[in-house]
Amino acid sequence: MSNKVNLTDRTSFIAKWNAIAKVAHNMATEKGFHEKGDDLWTGTIAKNDLAARENAAFVEQLLLIKELALIGTEIGEAVEAVRSGSPNSAKVPHLLVVEELADVVIRIMDTSAKRGWPLGEAIVDKIAFNADRERLHGKKF
């Protein structure tokens, strides 16, 4: 099996990732996950208003931390699913740990779509980069 991603697969994956990420973000917005805090900073900032720019950057940092914390919460739920023996989910037809990992990816998609980050492209680029790395990437486990 090849570790290389061909151009057709790359383009298709990125387009599908972006489409699904947009759905994930729209759903998160509709379900209220972007109401608290997202409205702390709106409007335009004058180029010479350094204090306002610093405040906006700080608020933006806090919002990203909130989004990353939600991702971390889902990872914690996946850990708990493993600790509980990973029974079948009561919500979807998968093991509970698989459901929680899906939630991790959905949260990641939401964050990347909200911020306009090209995460689908970055995933493909990182896989291509990792293909040529040494075994265990030099890490000790």
N, C-alpha and C. Protein backbone atom coordinates (compact mmCIF):
# COMPACT_ATOMS: atom_id res chain seq x y z
N MET A 1 0.84 -1.17 0.00
CA MET A 1 0.00 0.00 0.00
C MET A 1 0.89 1.24 0.00
N SER A 2 0.56 2.20 -0.81
CA SER A 2 1.35 3.42 -0.93
C SER A 2 0.97 4.41 0.17
N ASN A 3 1.96 5.12 0.66
CA ASN A 3 1.73 6.17 1.65
C ASN A 3 1.59 7.54 0.99
N LYS A 4 1.57 7.57 -0.32
CA LYS A 4 1.46 8.83 -1.06
C LYS A 4 0.00 9.10 -1.41
N VAL A 5 -0.37 10.36 -1.39
CA VAL A 5 -1.72 10.77 -1.76
C VAL A 5 -1.67 11.35 -3.16
N ASN A 6 -2.48 10.77 -4.08
CA ASN A 6 -2.44 11.32 -5.43
C ASN A 6 -3.28 12.60 -5.51
N LEU A 7 -3.06 13.37 -6.54
CA LEU A 7 -3.68 14.69 -6.67
C LEU A 7 -5.21 14.61 -6.70
N THR A 8 -5.75 13.61 -7.37
CA THR A 8 -7.21 13.46 -7.43
C THR A 8 -7.78 13.19 -6.05
N ASP A 9 -7.15 12.25 -5.32
CA ASP A 9 -7.61 11.95 -3.96
C ASP A 9 -7.49 13.18 -3.07
N ARG A 10 -6.39 13.90 -3.21
CA ARG A 10 -6.14 15.10 -2.41
C ARG A 10 -7.25 16.13 -2.62
N THR A 11 -7.52 16.44 -3.87
CA THR A 11 -8.53 17.45 -4.19
C THR A 11 -9.91 17.01 -3.71
N SER A 12 -10.23 15.74 -3.91
CA SER A 12 -11.52 15.22 -3.49
C SER A 12 -11.66 15.26 -1.96
N PHE A 13 -10.62 14.83 -1.24
CA PHE A 13 -10.66 14.84 0.22
C PHE A 13 -10.86 16.25 0.74
N ILE A 14 -10.07 17.19 0.22
CA ILE A 14 -10.14 18.57 0.70
C ILE A 14 -11.53 19.15 0.46
N ALA A 15 -12.09 18.93 -0.71
CA ALA A 15 -13.43 19.45 -1.02
C ALA A 15 -14.49 18.84 -0.09
N LYS A 16 -14.39 17.53 0.12
CA LYS A 16 -15.37 16.86 1.00
C LYS A 16 -15.18 17.32 2.45
N TRP A 17 -13.93 17.40 2.90
CA TRP A 17 -13.66 17.87 4.27
C TRP A 17 -14.27 19.25 4.47
N ASN A 18 -13.98 20.16 3.54
CA ASN A 18 -14.48 21.53 3.67
C ASN A 18 -16.00 21.59 3.71
N ALA A 19 -16.65 20.78 2.88
CA ALA A 19 -18.12 20.77 2.85
C ALA A 19 -18.69 20.25 4.16
N ILE A 20 -18.12 19.18 4.68
CA ILE A 20 -18.61 18.62 5.94
C ILE A 20 -18.27 19.54 7.11
N ALA A 21 -17.09 20.15 7.09
CA ALA A 21 -16.71 21.09 8.15
C ALA A 21 -17.67 22.27 8.19
N LYS A 22 -18.09 22.74 7.04
CA LYS A 22 -19.05 23.85 6.99
C LYS A 22 -20.38 23.43 7.62
N VAL A 23 -20.82 22.22 7.34
CA VAL A 23 -22.05 21.70 7.95
C VAL A 23 -21.87 21.62 9.47
N ALA A 24 -20.72 21.10 9.92
CA ALA A 24 -20.45 20.99 11.36
C ALA A 24 -20.48 22.36 12.02
N HIS A 25 -19.87 23.35 11.37
CA HIS A 25 -19.86 24.70 11.94
C HIS A 25 -21.26 25.31 11.97
N ASN A 26 -21.99 25.17 10.88
CA ASN A 26 -23.36 25.71 10.85
C ASN A 26 -24.22 25.07 11.92
N MET A 27 -24.08 23.77 12.12
CA MET A 27 -24.86 23.07 13.14
C MET A 27 -24.47 23.55 14.54
N ALA A 28 -23.17 23.69 14.79
CA ALA A 28 -22.71 24.17 16.10
C ALA A 28 -23.25 25.56 16.38
N THR A 29 -23.27 26.39 15.35
CA THR A 29 -23.81 27.74 15.50
C THR A 29 -25.30 27.68 15.81
N GLU A 30 -26.04 26.88 15.05
CA GLU A 30 -27.48 26.74 15.26
C GLU A 30 -27.80 26.18 16.65
N LYS A 31 -26.93 25.33 17.17
CA LYS A 31 -27.15 24.70 18.48
C LYS A 31 -26.64 25.55 19.63
N GLY A 32 -26.12 26.76 19.33
CA GLY A 32 -25.76 27.71 20.36
C GLY A 32 -24.34 27.66 20.87
N PHE A 33 -23.46 26.91 20.23
CA PHE A 33 -22.10 26.79 20.72
C PHE A 33 -21.24 28.04 20.46
N HIS A 34 -21.75 28.97 19.69
CA HIS A 34 -20.97 30.17 19.40
C HIS A 34 -21.66 31.44 19.87
N GLU A 35 -22.55 31.31 20.84
CA GLU A 35 -23.25 32.49 21.34
C GLU A 35 -22.48 33.19 22.44
N LYS A 36 -21.96 32.44 23.39
CA LYS A 36 -21.27 33.05 24.53
C LYS A 36 -19.84 33.39 24.15
N GLY A 37 -19.54 34.66 24.15
CA GLY A 37 -18.19 35.11 23.89
C GLY A 37 -17.95 35.59 22.47
N ASP A 38 -18.60 34.97 21.50
CA ASP A 38 -18.32 35.35 20.12
C ASP A 38 -18.73 36.78 19.84
N ASP A 39 -19.64 37.32 20.64
CA ASP A 39 -20.09 38.68 20.42
C ASP A 39 -19.32 39.70 21.26
N LEU A 40 -18.25 39.27 21.92
CA LEU A 40 -17.47 40.20 22.74
C LEU A 40 -16.77 41.25 21.90
N TRP A 41 -16.45 40.88 20.68
CA TRP A 41 -15.80 41.87 19.83
C TRP A 41 -16.44 41.86 18.45
N THR A 42 -17.05 42.96 18.08
CA THR A 42 -17.61 43.12 16.75
C THR A 42 -17.27 44.51 16.25
N GLY A 43 -17.37 44.70 15.00
CA GLY A 43 -17.11 46.02 14.42
C GLY A 43 -15.71 46.15 13.89
N THR A 44 -15.42 47.33 13.38
CA THR A 44 -14.10 47.59 12.81
C THR A 44 -13.26 48.36 13.81
N ILE A 45 -11.97 48.24 13.67
CA ILE A 45 -11.03 48.88 14.58
C ILE A 45 -10.20 49.87 13.77
N ALA A 46 -10.10 51.07 14.28
CA ALA A 46 -9.27 52.08 13.61
C ALA A 46 -7.81 51.62 13.65
N LYS A 47 -7.09 51.87 12.57
CA LYS A 47 -5.69 51.42 12.47
C LYS A 47 -4.83 51.97 13.61
N ASN A 48 -5.15 53.17 14.08
CA ASN A 48 -4.32 53.78 15.12
C ASN A 48 -4.81 53.48 16.54
N ASP A 49 -5.84 52.68 16.68
CA ASP A 49 -6.38 52.35 18.00
C ASP A 49 -5.72 51.08 18.52
N LEU A 50 -4.51 51.23 19.04
CA LEU A 50 -3.71 50.09 19.49
C LEU A 50 -4.38 49.34 20.63
N ALA A 51 -4.98 50.06 21.58
CA ALA A 51 -5.63 49.41 22.71
C ALA A 51 -6.78 48.52 22.24
N ALA A 52 -7.57 49.03 21.32
CA ALA A 52 -8.69 48.23 20.80
C ALA A 52 -8.18 47.00 20.06
N ARG A 53 -7.10 47.15 19.30
CA ARG A 53 -6.51 46.01 18.59
C ARG A 53 -6.00 44.96 19.57
N GLU A 54 -5.35 45.40 20.64
CA GLU A 54 -4.86 44.46 21.64
C GLU A 54 -6.01 43.75 22.34
N ASN A 55 -7.08 44.48 22.65
CA ASN A 55 -8.25 43.87 23.27
C ASN A 55 -8.89 42.85 22.35
N ALA A 56 -8.99 43.20 21.07
CA ALA A 56 -9.60 42.28 20.10
C ALA A 56 -8.76 41.01 19.99
N ALA A 57 -7.44 41.15 19.96
CA ALA A 57 -6.56 39.98 19.87
C ALA A 57 -6.70 39.12 21.11
N PHE A 58 -6.83 39.73 22.28
CA PHE A 58 -7.00 38.99 23.53
C PHE A 58 -8.32 38.22 23.53
N VAL A 59 -9.38 38.88 23.13
CA VAL A 59 -10.69 38.22 23.08
C VAL A 59 -10.65 37.06 22.09
N GLU A 60 -10.02 37.28 20.94
CA GLU A 60 -9.91 36.21 19.94
C GLU A 60 -9.14 35.03 20.50
N GLN A 61 -8.10 35.30 21.27
CA GLN A 61 -7.34 34.23 21.91
C GLN A 61 -8.22 33.45 22.89
N LEU A 62 -9.01 34.16 23.69
CA LEU A 62 -9.90 33.49 24.64
C LEU A 62 -10.92 32.62 23.92
N LEU A 63 -11.45 33.11 22.82
CA LEU A 63 -12.43 32.32 22.07
C LEU A 63 -11.80 31.05 21.52
N LEU A 64 -10.57 31.15 21.01
CA LEU A 64 -9.89 29.95 20.51
C LEU A 64 -9.62 28.98 21.65
N ILE A 65 -9.22 29.49 22.80
CA ILE A 65 -9.00 28.61 23.96
C ILE A 65 -10.29 27.89 24.33
N LYS A 66 -11.41 28.60 24.28
CA LYS A 66 -12.71 27.98 24.56
C LYS A 66 -12.99 26.84 23.57
N GLU A 67 -12.72 27.09 22.30
CA GLU A 67 -12.96 26.07 21.28
C GLU A 67 -12.04 24.87 21.48
N LEU A 68 -10.78 25.12 21.81
CA LEU A 68 -9.84 24.02 22.05
C LEU A 68 -10.23 23.23 23.30
N ALA A 69 -10.76 23.93 24.31
CA ALA A 69 -11.22 23.25 25.52
C ALA A 69 -12.39 22.31 25.20
N LEU A 70 -13.27 22.73 24.31
CA LEU A 70 -14.38 21.85 23.91
C LEU A 70 -13.84 20.60 23.22
N ILE A 71 -12.80 20.75 22.40
CA ILE A 71 -12.17 19.60 21.76
C ILE A 71 -11.57 18.70 22.83
N GLY A 72 -10.88 19.31 23.79
CA GLY A 72 -10.28 18.54 24.88
C GLY A 72 -11.32 17.79 25.70
N THR A 73 -12.47 18.40 25.90
CA THR A 73 -13.55 17.74 26.62
C THR A 73 -13.99 16.47 25.90
N GLU A 74 -14.09 16.55 24.59
CA GLU A 74 -14.48 15.37 23.81
C GLU A 74 -13.41 14.28 23.89
N ILE A 75 -12.14 14.68 23.91
CA ILE A 75 -11.06 13.70 24.07
C ILE A 75 -11.19 13.02 25.43
N GLY A 76 -11.48 13.81 26.46
CA GLY A 76 -11.69 13.24 27.79
C GLY A 76 -12.84 12.25 27.81
N GLU A 77 -13.91 12.55 27.08
CA GLU A 77 -15.04 11.62 27.00
C GLU A 77 -14.64 10.34 26.29
N ALA A 78 -13.75 10.43 25.30
CA ALA A 78 -13.25 9.22 24.62
C ALA A 78 -12.43 8.37 25.59
N VAL A 79 -11.61 9.03 26.41
CA VAL A 79 -10.83 8.31 27.42
C VAL A 79 -11.76 7.59 28.39
N GLU A 80 -12.79 8.27 28.83
CA GLU A 80 -13.76 7.66 29.75
C GLU A 80 -14.49 6.49 29.10
N ALA A 81 -14.75 6.60 27.80
CA ALA A 81 -15.40 5.49 27.09
C ALA A 81 -14.50 4.26 27.11
N VAL A 82 -13.20 4.46 26.92
CA VAL A 82 -12.26 3.33 26.98
C VAL A 82 -12.23 2.76 28.39
N ARG A 83 -12.17 3.62 29.38
CA ARG A 83 -12.12 3.17 30.78
C ARG A 83 -13.37 2.38 31.16
N SER A 84 -14.50 2.70 30.53
CA SER A 84 -15.74 1.99 30.83
C SER A 84 -15.91 0.71 30.01
N GLY A 85 -14.88 0.36 29.25
CA GLY A 85 -14.95 -0.85 28.43
C GLY A 85 -15.48 -0.60 27.04
N SER A 86 -15.69 0.66 26.68
CA SER A 86 -16.19 1.07 25.38
C SER A 86 -17.41 0.26 24.93
N PRO A 87 -18.48 0.40 25.70
CA PRO A 87 -19.71 -0.28 25.28
C PRO A 87 -20.26 0.35 24.01
N ASN A 88 -21.31 -0.23 23.49
CA ASN A 88 -21.97 0.37 22.33
C ASN A 88 -22.63 1.67 22.76
N SER A 89 -22.63 2.63 21.85
CA SER A 89 -23.26 3.91 22.11
C SER A 89 -24.77 3.75 22.14
N ALA A 90 -25.42 4.54 22.97
CA ALA A 90 -26.88 4.56 23.00
C ALA A 90 -27.43 5.51 21.94
N LYS A 91 -26.54 6.30 21.31
CA LYS A 91 -26.99 7.34 20.37
C LYS A 91 -26.80 6.97 18.90
N VAL A 92 -25.67 6.33 18.60
CA VAL A 92 -25.36 5.98 17.22
C VAL A 92 -24.89 4.52 17.19
N PRO A 93 -24.96 3.85 16.04
CA PRO A 93 -24.62 2.42 15.98
C PRO A 93 -23.11 2.16 15.92
N HIS A 94 -22.39 2.61 16.94
CA HIS A 94 -20.94 2.44 17.00
C HIS A 94 -20.54 2.24 18.46
N LEU A 95 -19.31 1.82 18.66
CA LEU A 95 -18.78 1.78 20.01
C LEU A 95 -18.75 3.19 20.58
N LEU A 96 -18.90 3.33 21.87
CA LEU A 96 -18.92 4.64 22.50
C LEU A 96 -17.62 5.42 22.23
N VAL A 97 -16.49 4.73 22.25
CA VAL A 97 -15.23 5.44 21.99
C VAL A 97 -15.20 5.99 20.56
N VAL A 98 -15.78 5.28 19.63
CA VAL A 98 -15.83 5.76 18.24
C VAL A 98 -16.74 6.98 18.14
N GLU A 99 -17.86 6.94 18.84
CA GLU A 99 -18.76 8.10 18.86
C GLU A 99 -18.04 9.33 19.42
N GLU A 100 -17.31 9.15 20.50
CA GLU A 100 -16.60 10.28 21.11
C GLU A 100 -15.48 10.80 20.20
N LEU A 101 -14.79 9.90 19.52
CA LEU A 101 -13.77 10.35 18.56
C LEU A 101 -14.41 11.12 17.41
N ALA A 102 -15.62 10.70 17.00
CA ALA A 102 -16.34 11.46 15.98
C ALA A 102 -16.63 12.87 16.49
N ASP A 103 -17.01 12.98 17.77
CA ASP A 103 -17.25 14.30 18.35
C ASP A 103 -15.99 15.16 18.34
N VAL A 104 -14.84 14.54 18.59
CA VAL A 104 -13.56 15.28 18.53
C VAL A 104 -13.38 15.87 17.13
N VAL A 105 -13.56 15.03 16.11
CA VAL A 105 -13.36 15.49 14.74
C VAL A 105 -14.39 16.55 14.37
N ILE A 106 -15.63 16.39 14.81
CA ILE A 106 -16.67 17.38 14.52
C ILE A 106 -16.30 18.72 15.15
N ARG A 107 -15.84 18.72 16.38
CA ARG A 107 -15.41 19.96 17.04
C ARG A 107 -14.23 20.59 16.28
N ILE A 108 -13.29 19.77 15.83
CA ILE A 108 -12.15 20.27 15.07
C ILE A 108 -12.63 20.87 13.75
N MET A 109 -13.56 20.20 13.10
CA MET A 109 -14.11 20.73 11.84
C MET A 109 -14.80 22.07 12.08
N ASP A 110 -15.58 22.15 13.16
CA ASP A 110 -16.28 23.38 13.50
C ASP A 110 -15.30 24.53 13.67
N THR A 111 -14.25 24.30 14.46
CA THR A 111 -13.26 25.35 14.72
C THR A 111 -12.55 25.78 13.45
N SER A 112 -12.15 24.81 12.64
CA SER A 112 -11.43 25.17 11.41
C SER A 112 -12.32 25.91 10.43
N ALA A 113 -13.58 25.49 10.33
CA ALA A 113 -14.50 26.19 9.41
C ALA A 113 -14.80 27.59 9.91
N LYS A 114 -15.03 27.73 11.20
CA LYS A 114 -15.32 29.05 11.77
C LYS A 114 -14.20 30.03 11.48
N ARG A 115 -12.98 29.55 11.57
CA ARG A 115 -11.81 30.41 11.44
C ARG A 115 -11.27 30.49 10.02
N GLY A 116 -11.87 29.72 9.11
CA GLY A 116 -11.40 29.74 7.73
C GLY A 116 -10.05 29.07 7.55
N TRP A 117 -9.71 28.19 8.46
CA TRP A 117 -8.43 27.49 8.38
C TRP A 117 -8.51 26.35 7.37
N PRO A 118 -7.51 26.18 6.52
CA PRO A 118 -7.51 25.12 5.49
C PRO A 118 -7.08 23.77 6.07
N LEU A 119 -7.86 23.26 7.02
CA LEU A 119 -7.44 22.06 7.74
C LEU A 119 -7.42 20.81 6.86
N GLY A 120 -8.37 20.67 5.95
CA GLY A 120 -8.35 19.52 5.04
C GLY A 120 -7.05 19.46 4.25
N GLU A 121 -6.63 20.61 3.76
CA GLU A 121 -5.37 20.70 3.02
C GLU A 121 -4.18 20.39 3.94
N ALA A 122 -4.23 20.92 5.15
CA ALA A 122 -3.13 20.69 6.10
C ALA A 122 -3.02 19.20 6.46
N ILE A 123 -4.15 18.52 6.56
CA ILE A 123 -4.12 17.08 6.87
C ILE A 123 -3.41 16.31 5.77
N VAL A 124 -3.77 16.60 4.53
CA VAL A 124 -3.14 15.91 3.40
C VAL A 124 -1.65 16.26 3.34
N ASP A 125 -1.32 17.52 3.55
CA ASP A 125 0.09 17.94 3.53
C ASP A 125 0.88 17.26 4.65
N LYS A 126 0.30 17.16 5.82
CA LYS A 126 0.99 16.54 6.95
C LYS A 126 1.18 15.04 6.73
N ILE A 127 0.18 14.37 6.14
CA ILE A 127 0.32 12.95 5.82
C ILE A 127 1.47 12.77 4.81
N ALA A 128 1.52 13.64 3.81
CA ALA A 128 2.60 13.55 2.81
C ALA A 128 3.96 13.78 3.47
N PHE A 129 4.03 14.74 4.38
CA PHE A 129 5.28 15.00 5.09
C PHE A 129 5.69 13.80 5.94
N ASN A 130 4.71 13.24 6.67
CA ASN A 130 5.00 12.10 7.56
C ASN A 130 5.43 10.85 6.79
N ALA A 131 5.02 10.73 5.55
CA ALA A 131 5.37 9.54 4.75
C ALA A 131 6.88 9.37 4.62
N ASP A 132 7.60 10.45 4.62
CA ASP A 132 9.06 10.40 4.43
C ASP A 132 9.84 10.51 5.74
N ARG A 133 9.14 10.50 6.87
CA ARG A 133 9.83 10.63 8.15
C ARG A 133 10.33 9.27 8.62
N GLU A 134 11.29 9.32 9.53
CA GLU A 134 11.86 8.07 10.06
C GLU A 134 10.84 7.36 10.97
N ARG A 135 11.12 6.11 11.22
CA ARG A 135 10.26 5.29 12.09
C ARG A 135 10.09 6.00 13.45
N LEU A 136 8.86 6.09 13.91
CA LEU A 136 8.49 6.76 15.14
C LEU A 136 8.89 8.24 15.17
N HIS A 137 9.30 8.76 14.02
CA HIS A 137 9.69 10.17 13.89
C HIS A 137 10.76 10.55 14.90
N GLY A 138 11.58 9.59 15.31
CA GLY A 138 12.65 9.86 16.27
C GLY A 138 12.20 9.93 17.72
N LYS A 139 10.93 9.64 17.98
CA LYS A 139 10.42 9.72 19.35
C LYS A 139 10.64 8.42 20.09
N LYS A 140 10.78 8.51 21.39
CA LYS A 140 10.93 7.35 22.27
C LYS A 140 9.63 7.14 23.03
N PHE A 141 9.13 5.93 23.01
CA PHE A 141 7.90 5.63 23.75
C PHE A 141 8.18 4.58 24.80
